[in-house]
Amino acid sequence: MQQERPVASPCVQVCALDDDDICIGCQRNVAEITRWGRMDNAERRQVLLLCHARAQAKGVLL
């Protein structure tokens, strides 16, 4: 049985927090950024969905 590869980080090396403490580069909050390395793939996919929703709400394309 082949093991699933880790879901890649959405980091784009533009690390700065907005007024809501959301990274303007990847749209993750501080807790999500900090925990990323300890998340399983299911959690990572959930965070990516949140990032996408945040980007859409701000009119930012990821």
N, C-alpha and C. Protein backbone atom coordinates (compact mmCIF):
# COMPACT_ATOMS: atom_id res chain seq x y z
N MET A 1 0.85 -1.18 0.00
CA MET A 1 0.00 0.00 0.00
C MET A 1 0.89 1.25 0.00
N GLN A 2 0.59 2.19 -0.87
CA GLN A 2 1.38 3.40 -1.01
C GLN A 2 0.86 4.47 -0.04
N GLN A 3 1.79 5.12 0.65
CA GLN A 3 1.42 6.17 1.59
C GLN A 3 1.17 7.48 0.85
N GLU A 4 0.14 8.20 1.28
CA GLU A 4 -0.21 9.49 0.68
C GLU A 4 0.87 10.52 0.98
N ARG A 5 1.23 11.31 -0.02
CA ARG A 5 2.21 12.38 0.17
C ARG A 5 1.57 13.53 0.94
N PRO A 6 2.37 14.24 1.74
CA PRO A 6 1.82 15.38 2.50
C PRO A 6 1.29 16.47 1.57
N VAL A 7 0.18 17.07 1.95
CA VAL A 7 -0.36 18.22 1.23
C VAL A 7 0.63 19.38 1.40
N ALA A 8 0.98 20.00 0.29
CA ALA A 8 1.97 21.08 0.30
C ALA A 8 1.44 22.34 0.98
N SER A 9 2.35 23.05 1.60
CA SER A 9 2.03 24.32 2.23
C SER A 9 1.64 25.36 1.18
N PRO A 10 0.66 26.21 1.50
CA PRO A 10 0.27 27.27 0.57
C PRO A 10 1.19 28.50 0.64
N CYS A 11 2.25 28.44 1.44
CA CYS A 11 3.15 29.57 1.63
C CYS A 11 3.73 30.04 0.29
N VAL A 12 3.68 31.34 0.06
CA VAL A 12 4.24 31.93 -1.17
C VAL A 12 5.36 32.92 -0.86
N GLN A 13 5.92 32.79 0.36
CA GLN A 13 7.05 33.62 0.79
C GLN A 13 6.73 35.11 0.85
N VAL A 14 5.46 35.44 1.06
CA VAL A 14 5.02 36.82 1.28
C VAL A 14 4.39 36.81 2.67
N CYS A 15 5.24 36.89 3.68
CA CYS A 15 4.80 36.68 5.05
C CYS A 15 4.58 38.01 5.77
N ALA A 16 3.34 38.42 5.84
CA ALA A 16 2.95 39.63 6.56
C ALA A 16 1.50 39.48 6.97
N LEU A 17 1.20 39.86 8.20
CA LEU A 17 -0.17 39.73 8.70
C LEU A 17 -0.96 41.00 8.49
N ASP A 18 -2.23 40.82 8.14
CA ASP A 18 -3.11 41.99 8.00
C ASP A 18 -3.69 42.34 9.37
N ASP A 19 -4.63 43.25 9.40
CA ASP A 19 -5.23 43.70 10.66
C ASP A 19 -6.01 42.60 11.38
N ASP A 20 -6.40 41.55 10.65
CA ASP A 20 -7.12 40.41 11.24
C ASP A 20 -6.19 39.26 11.58
N ASP A 21 -4.87 39.50 11.52
CA ASP A 21 -3.84 38.47 11.77
C ASP A 21 -3.93 37.31 10.79
N ILE A 22 -4.24 37.64 9.54
CA ILE A 22 -4.24 36.67 8.44
C ILE A 22 -3.07 37.02 7.53
N CYS A 23 -2.29 36.02 7.15
CA CYS A 23 -1.16 36.27 6.26
C CYS A 23 -1.66 36.74 4.89
N ILE A 24 -1.10 37.84 4.41
CA ILE A 24 -1.54 38.36 3.11
C ILE A 24 -1.06 37.50 1.95
N GLY A 25 -0.07 36.66 2.19
CA GLY A 25 0.44 35.79 1.13
C GLY A 25 -0.36 34.52 0.96
N CYS A 26 -0.57 33.79 2.06
CA CYS A 26 -1.22 32.47 1.96
C CYS A 26 -2.63 32.42 2.52
N GLN A 27 -3.05 33.47 3.22
CA GLN A 27 -4.39 33.58 3.81
C GLN A 27 -4.61 32.66 5.02
N ARG A 28 -3.51 32.17 5.63
CA ARG A 28 -3.65 31.39 6.86
C ARG A 28 -3.53 32.31 8.06
N ASN A 29 -4.16 31.90 9.18
CA ASN A 29 -3.96 32.66 10.41
C ASN A 29 -2.72 32.11 11.12
N VAL A 30 -2.31 32.78 12.20
CA VAL A 30 -1.08 32.41 12.89
C VAL A 30 -1.13 30.97 13.41
N ALA A 31 -2.24 30.57 13.97
CA ALA A 31 -2.37 29.21 14.50
C ALA A 31 -2.23 28.17 13.38
N GLU A 32 -2.83 28.45 12.23
CA GLU A 32 -2.74 27.51 11.11
C GLU A 32 -1.31 27.41 10.58
N ILE A 33 -0.62 28.54 10.53
CA ILE A 33 0.77 28.54 10.08
C ILE A 33 1.63 27.74 11.05
N THR A 34 1.45 28.00 12.32
CA THR A 34 2.25 27.34 13.36
C THR A 34 2.01 25.84 13.41
N ARG A 35 0.78 25.42 13.26
CA ARG A 35 0.42 23.99 13.36
C ARG A 35 0.63 23.20 12.08
N TRP A 36 0.84 23.85 10.95
CA TRP A 36 0.87 23.17 9.66
C TRP A 36 1.72 21.90 9.67
N GLY A 37 2.89 21.95 10.21
CA GLY A 37 3.80 20.81 10.21
C GLY A 37 3.30 19.62 11.00
N ARG A 38 2.36 19.85 11.91
CA ARG A 38 1.81 18.77 12.74
C ARG A 38 0.43 18.32 12.29
N MET A 39 -0.11 18.96 11.26
CA MET A 39 -1.45 18.60 10.75
C MET A 39 -1.37 17.38 9.85
N ASP A 40 -2.45 16.58 9.88
CA ASP A 40 -2.54 15.51 8.89
C ASP A 40 -3.14 16.10 7.61
N ASN A 41 -3.18 15.30 6.57
CA ASN A 41 -3.64 15.82 5.28
C ASN A 41 -5.09 16.29 5.31
N ALA A 42 -5.93 15.64 6.08
CA ALA A 42 -7.33 16.07 6.17
C ALA A 42 -7.43 17.48 6.77
N GLU A 43 -6.66 17.72 7.84
CA GLU A 43 -6.65 19.05 8.44
C GLU A 43 -6.09 20.08 7.47
N ARG A 44 -5.03 19.71 6.77
CA ARG A 44 -4.43 20.64 5.81
C ARG A 44 -5.42 21.01 4.70
N ARG A 45 -6.17 20.05 4.24
CA ARG A 45 -7.17 20.34 3.19
C ARG A 45 -8.25 21.28 3.71
N GLN A 46 -8.64 21.11 4.98
CA GLN A 46 -9.63 22.01 5.58
C GLN A 46 -9.09 23.43 5.65
N VAL A 47 -7.82 23.57 6.03
CA VAL A 47 -7.19 24.89 6.10
C VAL A 47 -7.14 25.51 4.71
N LEU A 48 -6.80 24.72 3.70
CA LEU A 48 -6.75 25.24 2.33
C LEU A 48 -8.12 25.74 1.88
N LEU A 49 -9.18 25.05 2.27
CA LEU A 49 -10.53 25.52 1.95
C LEU A 49 -10.81 26.86 2.63
N LEU A 50 -10.40 26.99 3.89
CA LEU A 50 -10.57 28.26 4.61
C LEU A 50 -9.76 29.37 3.93
N CYS A 51 -8.53 29.06 3.51
CA CYS A 51 -7.70 30.05 2.83
C CYS A 51 -8.36 30.52 1.55
N HIS A 52 -8.92 29.59 0.81
CA HIS A 52 -9.59 29.93 -0.44
C HIS A 52 -10.79 30.84 -0.17
N ALA A 53 -11.57 30.50 0.85
CA ALA A 53 -12.74 31.31 1.20
C ALA A 53 -12.32 32.71 1.64
N ARG A 54 -11.25 32.79 2.42
CA ARG A 54 -10.77 34.11 2.87
C ARG A 54 -10.31 34.94 1.66
N ALA A 55 -9.60 34.30 0.75
CA ALA A 55 -9.11 35.00 -0.44
C ALA A 55 -10.29 35.50 -1.28
N GLN A 56 -11.29 34.65 -1.46
CA GLN A 56 -12.47 35.06 -2.23
C GLN A 56 -13.19 36.22 -1.56
N ALA A 57 -13.31 36.17 -0.24
CA ALA A 57 -13.99 37.24 0.49
C ALA A 57 -13.26 38.58 0.35
N LYS A 58 -11.95 38.52 0.22
CA LYS A 58 -11.14 39.73 0.06
C LYS A 58 -10.93 40.12 -1.41
N GLY A 59 -11.41 39.27 -2.31
CA GLY A 59 -11.20 39.54 -3.73
C GLY A 59 -9.77 39.29 -4.18
N VAL A 60 -9.10 38.38 -3.47
CA VAL A 60 -7.70 38.06 -3.79
C VAL A 60 -7.66 36.69 -4.45
N LEU A 61 -6.91 36.57 -5.52
CA LEU A 61 -6.75 35.27 -6.16
C LEU A 61 -5.58 34.53 -5.56
N LEU A 62 -5.73 33.23 -5.30
CA LEU A 62 -4.64 32.39 -4.83
C LEU A 62 -4.11 31.57 -5.97
